Amino acid sequence: MRYEDLGRDDRIHASLYTDPRIFADEMERIFHRGWVFVGHASEVPRPGDFVTRPIGTQPAIMVRGQDGEIAVLLNRCMHRGTMICAVEHGTTRRSRVPITAGPTISAARCSACRTRAGTTRRSTRARAA
C-alpha cells in the first residue's frame, strides 16, 4: 500500500481512518518501534502507587516500586493472558493475578512477568517522564 496515493494537498482518502491494515501498520510503527509516553512520575509519587494505560492496543501498568524506581509493564499475566489490574489507578503493596491467585506484582518487581531465566521483564518500549 502506498500512502502517498491516499493523500492530496486538499484532502485524504477515508480509508486512512477505517482500513484495518492501516491501523495495524500505525500500531506497529508508532507503538512498537520506539519510546511511548505512558505517564508522568508525579502520577505515582509514593511506593506502591500505580496507573494503568493502554499502549496502542496493549494494556500497561506504570508502578512505583518500594525502591522508588518506576517500572512500566504489560498489564497481563504471561501464564493465561489475564489482565492483572483492572482499576485505573491506586496504591497497593501487591496485586494478585485474578483466577489463578498466582504470582504477584510487588511494586516494580513483577513475579508474574518473569521469564524462564528468572529475570523480570520490563517494557523497553515505554517509560515514564
N, C-alpha and C. Protein backbone atom coordinates (compact mmCIF):
# COMPACT_ATOMS: atom_id res chain seq x y z
N MET A 1 0.85 -1.18 0.00
CA MET A 1 0.00 0.00 0.00
C MET A 1 0.89 1.23 0.00
N ARG A 2 0.56 2.14 -0.86
CA ARG A 2 1.32 3.39 -0.96
C ARG A 2 0.50 4.51 -0.32
N TYR A 3 0.99 5.01 0.79
CA TYR A 3 0.27 6.07 1.49
C TYR A 3 0.23 7.36 0.68
N GLU A 4 1.24 7.57 -0.18
CA GLU A 4 1.27 8.79 -0.99
C GLU A 4 0.04 8.88 -1.89
N ASP A 5 -0.49 7.73 -2.31
CA ASP A 5 -1.64 7.70 -3.21
C ASP A 5 -2.95 8.02 -2.49
N LEU A 6 -2.93 8.00 -1.16
CA LEU A 6 -4.16 8.21 -0.39
C LEU A 6 -4.35 9.64 0.08
N GLY A 7 -3.37 10.48 -0.15
CA GLY A 7 -3.47 11.86 0.32
C GLY A 7 -3.16 12.86 -0.78
N ARG A 8 -3.84 13.95 -0.75
CA ARG A 8 -3.61 15.08 -1.65
C ARG A 8 -3.41 16.32 -0.78
N ASP A 9 -3.03 17.41 -1.39
CA ASP A 9 -2.84 18.64 -0.64
C ASP A 9 -4.13 19.12 0.02
N ASP A 10 -5.27 18.88 -0.63
CA ASP A 10 -6.53 19.40 -0.13
C ASP A 10 -7.45 18.35 0.49
N ARG A 11 -7.07 17.06 0.47
CA ARG A 11 -7.92 16.01 1.03
C ARG A 11 -7.13 14.71 1.21
N ILE A 12 -7.72 13.81 2.01
CA ILE A 12 -7.15 12.47 2.17
C ILE A 12 -8.26 11.44 1.99
N HIS A 13 -7.88 10.25 1.62
CA HIS A 13 -8.84 9.18 1.39
C HIS A 13 -9.39 8.69 2.73
N ALA A 14 -10.69 8.39 2.78
CA ALA A 14 -11.35 7.96 4.02
C ALA A 14 -10.76 6.67 4.58
N SER A 15 -10.16 5.83 3.73
CA SER A 15 -9.59 4.56 4.20
C SER A 15 -8.45 4.77 5.20
N LEU A 16 -7.85 5.96 5.20
CA LEU A 16 -6.82 6.24 6.20
C LEU A 16 -7.39 6.17 7.61
N TYR A 17 -8.69 6.37 7.76
CA TYR A 17 -9.35 6.31 9.06
C TYR A 17 -10.00 4.97 9.34
N THR A 18 -10.26 4.17 8.31
CA THR A 18 -11.09 2.97 8.50
C THR A 18 -10.43 1.65 8.13
N ASP A 19 -9.37 1.66 7.36
CA ASP A 19 -8.76 0.42 6.88
C ASP A 19 -8.00 -0.29 8.01
N PRO A 20 -8.37 -1.55 8.34
CA PRO A 20 -7.68 -2.27 9.41
C PRO A 20 -6.19 -2.49 9.14
N ARG A 21 -5.79 -2.57 7.88
CA ARG A 21 -4.36 -2.74 7.55
C ARG A 21 -3.58 -1.49 7.91
N ILE A 22 -4.18 -0.34 7.67
CA ILE A 22 -3.52 0.93 8.02
C ILE A 22 -3.43 1.06 9.54
N PHE A 23 -4.50 0.68 10.24
CA PHE A 23 -4.49 0.71 11.71
C PHE A 23 -3.38 -0.19 12.25
N ALA A 24 -3.27 -1.41 11.74
CA ALA A 24 -2.23 -2.34 12.19
C ALA A 24 -0.84 -1.77 11.89
N ASP A 25 -0.67 -1.14 10.76
CA ASP A 25 0.61 -0.54 10.39
C ASP A 25 0.95 0.61 11.35
N GLU A 26 -0.05 1.44 11.68
CA GLU A 26 0.18 2.53 12.63
C GLU A 26 0.55 1.99 14.01
N MET A 27 -0.13 0.95 14.46
CA MET A 27 0.19 0.36 15.76
C MET A 27 1.64 -0.10 15.77
N GLU A 28 2.07 -0.76 14.71
CA GLU A 28 3.45 -1.25 14.62
C GLU A 28 4.43 -0.08 14.58
N ARG A 29 4.20 0.89 13.73
CA ARG A 29 5.15 1.99 13.54
C ARG A 29 5.19 2.95 14.73
N ILE A 30 4.06 3.20 15.35
CA ILE A 30 4.01 4.19 16.44
C ILE A 30 4.29 3.56 17.79
N PHE A 31 3.65 2.44 18.11
CA PHE A 31 3.71 1.90 19.46
C PHE A 31 4.71 0.77 19.66
N HIS A 32 5.21 0.18 18.62
CA HIS A 32 6.11 -0.97 18.79
C HIS A 32 7.55 -0.70 18.40
N ARG A 33 7.85 0.46 17.88
CA ARG A 33 9.22 0.72 17.41
C ARG A 33 10.01 1.71 18.25
N GLY A 34 9.36 2.44 19.10
CA GLY A 34 10.09 3.46 19.84
C GLY A 34 9.50 3.70 21.20
N TRP A 35 10.01 4.72 21.86
CA TRP A 35 9.51 5.09 23.18
C TRP A 35 8.13 5.69 23.07
N VAL A 36 7.29 5.37 24.03
CA VAL A 36 5.92 5.89 24.07
C VAL A 36 5.70 6.50 25.45
N PHE A 37 5.14 7.69 25.49
CA PHE A 37 4.83 8.33 26.77
C PHE A 37 3.66 7.59 27.41
N VAL A 38 3.87 7.12 28.63
CA VAL A 38 2.83 6.39 29.36
C VAL A 38 2.25 7.25 30.47
N GLY A 39 3.09 8.02 31.13
CA GLY A 39 2.62 8.86 32.22
C GLY A 39 3.76 9.66 32.81
N HIS A 40 3.41 10.52 33.74
CA HIS A 40 4.40 11.36 34.40
C HIS A 40 4.70 10.79 35.79
N ALA A 41 5.93 10.93 36.23
CA ALA A 41 6.34 10.42 37.54
C ALA A 41 5.47 10.95 38.67
N SER A 42 4.93 12.14 38.52
CA SER A 42 4.08 12.73 39.57
C SER A 42 2.76 11.96 39.74
N GLU A 43 2.40 11.12 38.77
CA GLU A 43 1.17 10.34 38.89
C GLU A 43 1.32 9.16 39.85
N VAL A 44 2.56 8.77 40.12
CA VAL A 44 2.84 7.67 41.04
C VAL A 44 3.90 8.14 42.04
N PRO A 45 3.52 9.06 42.95
CA PRO A 45 4.50 9.69 43.81
C PRO A 45 5.06 8.81 44.93
N ARG A 46 4.27 7.82 45.40
CA ARG A 46 4.70 7.01 46.54
C ARG A 46 4.89 5.56 46.13
N PRO A 47 5.74 4.83 46.82
CA PRO A 47 5.89 3.40 46.54
C PRO A 47 4.54 2.69 46.60
N GLY A 48 4.27 1.85 45.61
CA GLY A 48 3.01 1.12 45.53
C GLY A 48 1.95 1.82 44.70
N ASP A 49 2.16 3.10 44.38
CA ASP A 49 1.21 3.82 43.53
C ASP A 49 1.31 3.28 42.11
N PHE A 50 0.16 3.20 41.42
CA PHE A 50 0.15 2.71 40.05
C PHE A 50 -0.94 3.40 39.24
N VAL A 51 -0.76 3.39 37.92
CA VAL A 51 -1.78 3.80 36.97
C VAL A 51 -1.76 2.77 35.84
N THR A 52 -2.91 2.54 35.25
CA THR A 52 -2.99 1.65 34.10
C THR A 52 -3.36 2.47 32.88
N ARG A 53 -2.76 2.13 31.75
CA ARG A 53 -2.98 2.84 30.50
C ARG A 53 -2.82 1.86 29.34
N PRO A 54 -3.43 2.16 28.22
CA PRO A 54 -3.13 1.36 27.04
C PRO A 54 -1.87 1.89 26.35
N ILE A 55 -1.10 1.00 25.81
CA ILE A 55 -0.01 1.35 24.90
C ILE A 55 -0.41 0.75 23.56
N GLY A 56 -0.97 1.58 22.71
CA GLY A 56 -1.57 1.07 21.48
C GLY A 56 -2.77 0.23 21.85
N THR A 57 -2.73 -1.05 21.53
CA THR A 57 -3.83 -1.95 21.86
C THR A 57 -3.51 -2.83 23.06
N GLN A 58 -2.37 -2.63 23.70
CA GLN A 58 -1.95 -3.45 24.83
C GLN A 58 -2.14 -2.72 26.16
N PRO A 59 -2.68 -3.39 27.17
CA PRO A 59 -2.81 -2.75 28.48
C PRO A 59 -1.47 -2.73 29.20
N ALA A 60 -1.18 -1.62 29.86
CA ALA A 60 0.09 -1.48 30.58
C ALA A 60 -0.20 -0.96 31.99
N ILE A 61 0.76 -1.18 32.87
CA ILE A 61 0.67 -0.65 34.23
C ILE A 61 2.00 0.03 34.55
N MET A 62 1.89 1.27 35.05
CA MET A 62 3.07 2.02 35.49
C MET A 62 3.01 2.02 37.01
N VAL A 63 4.07 1.56 37.66
CA VAL A 63 4.06 1.39 39.12
C VAL A 63 5.37 1.90 39.71
N ARG A 64 5.28 2.54 40.87
CA ARG A 64 6.49 2.96 41.58
C ARG A 64 6.82 1.88 42.61
N GLY A 65 8.04 1.38 42.53
CA GLY A 65 8.49 0.31 43.42
C GLY A 65 8.87 0.80 44.80
N GLN A 66 9.05 -0.13 45.70
CA GLN A 66 9.46 0.19 47.06
C GLN A 66 10.82 0.89 47.06
N ASP A 67 11.61 0.65 46.03
CA ASP A 67 12.93 1.30 45.91
C ASP A 67 12.83 2.69 45.30
N GLY A 68 11.60 3.13 44.96
CA GLY A 68 11.40 4.46 44.37
C GLY A 68 11.47 4.48 42.86
N GLU A 69 11.89 3.40 42.25
CA GLU A 69 12.00 3.33 40.79
C GLU A 69 10.62 3.12 40.17
N ILE A 70 10.46 3.60 38.95
CA ILE A 70 9.21 3.42 38.22
C ILE A 70 9.42 2.36 37.15
N ALA A 71 8.47 1.45 37.05
CA ALA A 71 8.51 0.42 36.01
C ALA A 71 7.21 0.49 35.22
N VAL A 72 7.31 0.19 33.94
CA VAL A 72 6.15 0.06 33.08
C VAL A 72 6.15 -1.36 32.55
N LEU A 73 5.05 -2.07 32.81
CA LEU A 73 4.94 -3.48 32.46
C LEU A 73 3.65 -3.70 31.69
N LEU A 74 3.62 -4.76 30.90
CA LEU A 74 2.35 -5.15 30.31
C LEU A 74 1.43 -5.60 31.43
N ASN A 75 0.20 -5.19 31.38
CA ASN A 75 -0.77 -5.48 32.42
C ASN A 75 -1.49 -6.80 32.09
N ARG A 76 -0.71 -7.83 31.89
CA ARG A 76 -1.23 -9.16 31.55
C ARG A 76 -0.40 -10.22 32.25
N CYS A 77 -1.07 -11.26 32.72
CA CYS A 77 -0.39 -12.43 33.26
C CYS A 77 0.16 -13.22 32.08
N MET A 78 1.43 -13.53 32.08
CA MET A 78 2.03 -14.29 30.98
C MET A 78 1.52 -15.72 30.94
N HIS A 79 1.00 -16.20 32.05
CA HIS A 79 0.53 -17.58 32.12
C HIS A 79 -0.76 -17.77 31.33
N ARG A 80 -1.75 -16.92 31.57
CA ARG A 80 -3.05 -17.08 30.91
C ARG A 80 -3.50 -15.85 30.14
N GLY A 81 -2.73 -14.79 30.17
CA GLY A 81 -3.11 -13.58 29.45
C GLY A 81 -4.16 -12.74 30.14
N THR A 82 -4.48 -13.08 31.39
CA THR A 82 -5.49 -12.36 32.15
C THR A 82 -4.96 -10.99 32.55
N MET A 83 -5.82 -9.98 32.52
CA MET A 83 -5.42 -8.65 32.98
C MET A 83 -5.11 -8.73 34.47
N ILE A 84 -3.99 -8.18 34.88
CA ILE A 84 -3.56 -8.24 36.27
C ILE A 84 -4.29 -7.21 37.12
N CYS A 85 -4.42 -6.00 36.61
CA CYS A 85 -5.04 -4.93 37.38
C CYS A 85 -6.12 -4.27 36.53
N ALA A 86 -7.36 -4.31 37.00
CA ALA A 86 -8.49 -3.80 36.22
C ALA A 86 -8.87 -2.36 36.58
N VAL A 87 -8.28 -1.79 37.63
CA VAL A 87 -8.63 -0.42 38.01
C VAL A 87 -7.65 0.56 37.38
N GLU A 88 -8.07 1.83 37.24
CA GLU A 88 -7.27 2.82 36.54
C GLU A 88 -6.08 3.34 37.34
N HIS A 89 -6.22 3.42 38.65
CA HIS A 89 -5.12 3.93 39.48
C HIS A 89 -5.37 3.52 40.92
N GLY A 90 -4.31 3.63 41.72
CA GLY A 90 -4.45 3.29 43.13
C GLY A 90 -3.10 3.10 43.79
N THR A 91 -3.14 2.56 44.99
CA THR A 91 -1.94 2.26 45.76
C THR A 91 -2.11 0.86 46.31
N THR A 92 -1.08 0.08 46.23
CA THR A 92 -1.15 -1.29 46.73
C THR A 92 0.23 -1.78 47.14
N ARG A 93 0.24 -2.75 48.02
CA ARG A 93 1.51 -3.40 48.37
C ARG A 93 1.80 -4.48 47.35
N ARG A 94 0.73 -5.15 46.89
CA ARG A 94 0.88 -6.19 45.89
C ARG A 94 -0.48 -6.46 45.27
N SER A 95 -0.46 -6.94 44.02
CA SER A 95 -1.70 -7.27 43.32
C SER A 95 -1.63 -8.71 42.88
N ARG A 96 -2.64 -9.47 43.18
CA ARG A 96 -2.69 -10.87 42.77
C ARG A 96 -3.25 -10.99 41.37
N VAL A 97 -2.74 -11.99 40.65
CA VAL A 97 -3.27 -12.28 39.33
C VAL A 97 -4.64 -12.92 39.54
N PRO A 98 -5.69 -12.38 38.90
CA PRO A 98 -7.02 -12.97 39.09
C PRO A 98 -7.07 -14.41 38.60
N ILE A 99 -8.03 -15.14 39.02
CA ILE A 99 -8.31 -16.52 38.66
C ILE A 99 -7.28 -17.47 39.27
N THR A 100 -6.01 -17.33 38.89
CA THR A 100 -5.01 -18.27 39.39
C THR A 100 -4.60 -17.94 40.82
N ALA A 101 -4.87 -16.70 41.27
CA ALA A 101 -4.38 -16.20 42.56
C ALA A 101 -2.91 -16.49 42.69
N GLY A 102 -2.25 -16.43 41.58
CA GLY A 102 -0.85 -16.83 41.50
C GLY A 102 0.11 -15.71 41.80
N PRO A 103 1.14 -15.58 40.98
CA PRO A 103 2.22 -14.62 41.25
C PRO A 103 1.69 -13.21 41.43
N THR A 104 2.49 -12.37 42.03
CA THR A 104 2.03 -11.04 42.37
C THR A 104 2.89 -9.97 41.73
N ILE A 105 2.30 -8.77 41.62
CA ILE A 105 3.09 -7.58 41.32
C ILE A 105 3.40 -6.98 42.67
N SER A 106 4.64 -6.83 42.97
CA SER A 106 5.02 -6.16 44.20
C SER A 106 5.85 -4.97 43.78
N ALA A 107 5.17 -3.85 43.63
CA ALA A 107 5.78 -2.62 43.15
C ALA A 107 6.47 -2.87 41.83
N ALA A 108 7.76 -2.50 41.71
CA ALA A 108 8.41 -2.58 40.41
C ALA A 108 8.86 -3.99 40.05
N ARG A 109 8.81 -4.93 40.98
CA ARG A 109 9.18 -6.31 40.67
C ARG A 109 7.91 -7.09 40.40
N CYS A 110 7.82 -7.70 39.26
CA CYS A 110 6.60 -8.40 38.88
C CYS A 110 6.92 -9.87 38.67
N SER A 111 6.66 -10.69 39.69
CA SER A 111 6.98 -12.11 39.55
C SER A 111 6.07 -12.78 38.53
N ALA A 112 4.91 -12.17 38.25
CA ALA A 112 4.03 -12.72 37.21
C ALA A 112 4.63 -12.50 35.83
N CYS A 113 5.57 -11.58 35.73
CA CYS A 113 6.14 -11.23 34.43
C CYS A 113 7.59 -11.71 34.31
N ARG A 114 7.93 -12.74 35.04
CA ARG A 114 9.30 -13.25 34.97
C ARG A 114 9.48 -14.15 33.77
N THR A 115 10.65 -14.12 33.22
CA THR A 115 10.97 -15.04 32.13
C THR A 115 11.41 -16.35 32.74
N ARG A 116 11.59 -17.35 31.92
CA ARG A 116 12.04 -18.64 32.44
C ARG A 116 13.41 -18.55 33.09
N ALA A 117 14.21 -17.59 32.66
CA ALA A 117 15.53 -17.43 33.25
C ALA A 117 15.46 -16.76 34.62
N GLY A 118 14.25 -16.28 34.99
CA GLY A 118 14.09 -15.69 36.31
C GLY A 118 14.30 -14.20 36.35
N THR A 119 14.48 -13.56 35.22
CA THR A 119 14.67 -12.11 35.22
C THR A 119 13.33 -11.43 35.01
N THR A 120 13.19 -10.25 35.54
CA THR A 120 11.95 -9.50 35.39
C THR A 120 11.90 -8.88 34.01
N ARG A 121 10.78 -9.07 33.32
CA ARG A 121 10.59 -8.47 32.01
C ARG A 121 10.00 -7.08 32.21
N ARG A 122 10.68 -6.10 31.74
CA ARG A 122 10.17 -4.73 31.78
C ARG A 122 10.02 -4.25 30.35
N SER A 123 9.05 -3.43 30.13
CA SER A 123 8.84 -2.92 28.79
C SER A 123 10.02 -2.06 28.38
N THR A 124 10.55 -2.32 27.20
CA THR A 124 11.63 -1.49 26.67
C THR A 124 11.08 -0.46 25.72
N ARG A 125 9.78 -0.46 25.54
CA ARG A 125 9.16 0.45 24.58
C ARG A 125 8.37 1.58 25.24
N ALA A 126 8.33 1.61 26.55
CA ALA A 126 7.54 2.64 27.23
C ALA A 126 8.32 3.14 28.44
N ARG A 127 8.06 4.38 28.80
CA ARG A 127 8.71 4.90 30.00
C ARG A 127 7.91 6.05 30.57
N ALA A 128 8.16 6.32 31.79
CA ALA A 128 7.51 7.45 32.46
C ALA A 128 8.43 8.65 32.36
N ALA A 129 7.85 9.82 32.28
CA ALA A 129 8.66 11.04 32.19
C ALA A 129 8.98 11.53 33.59
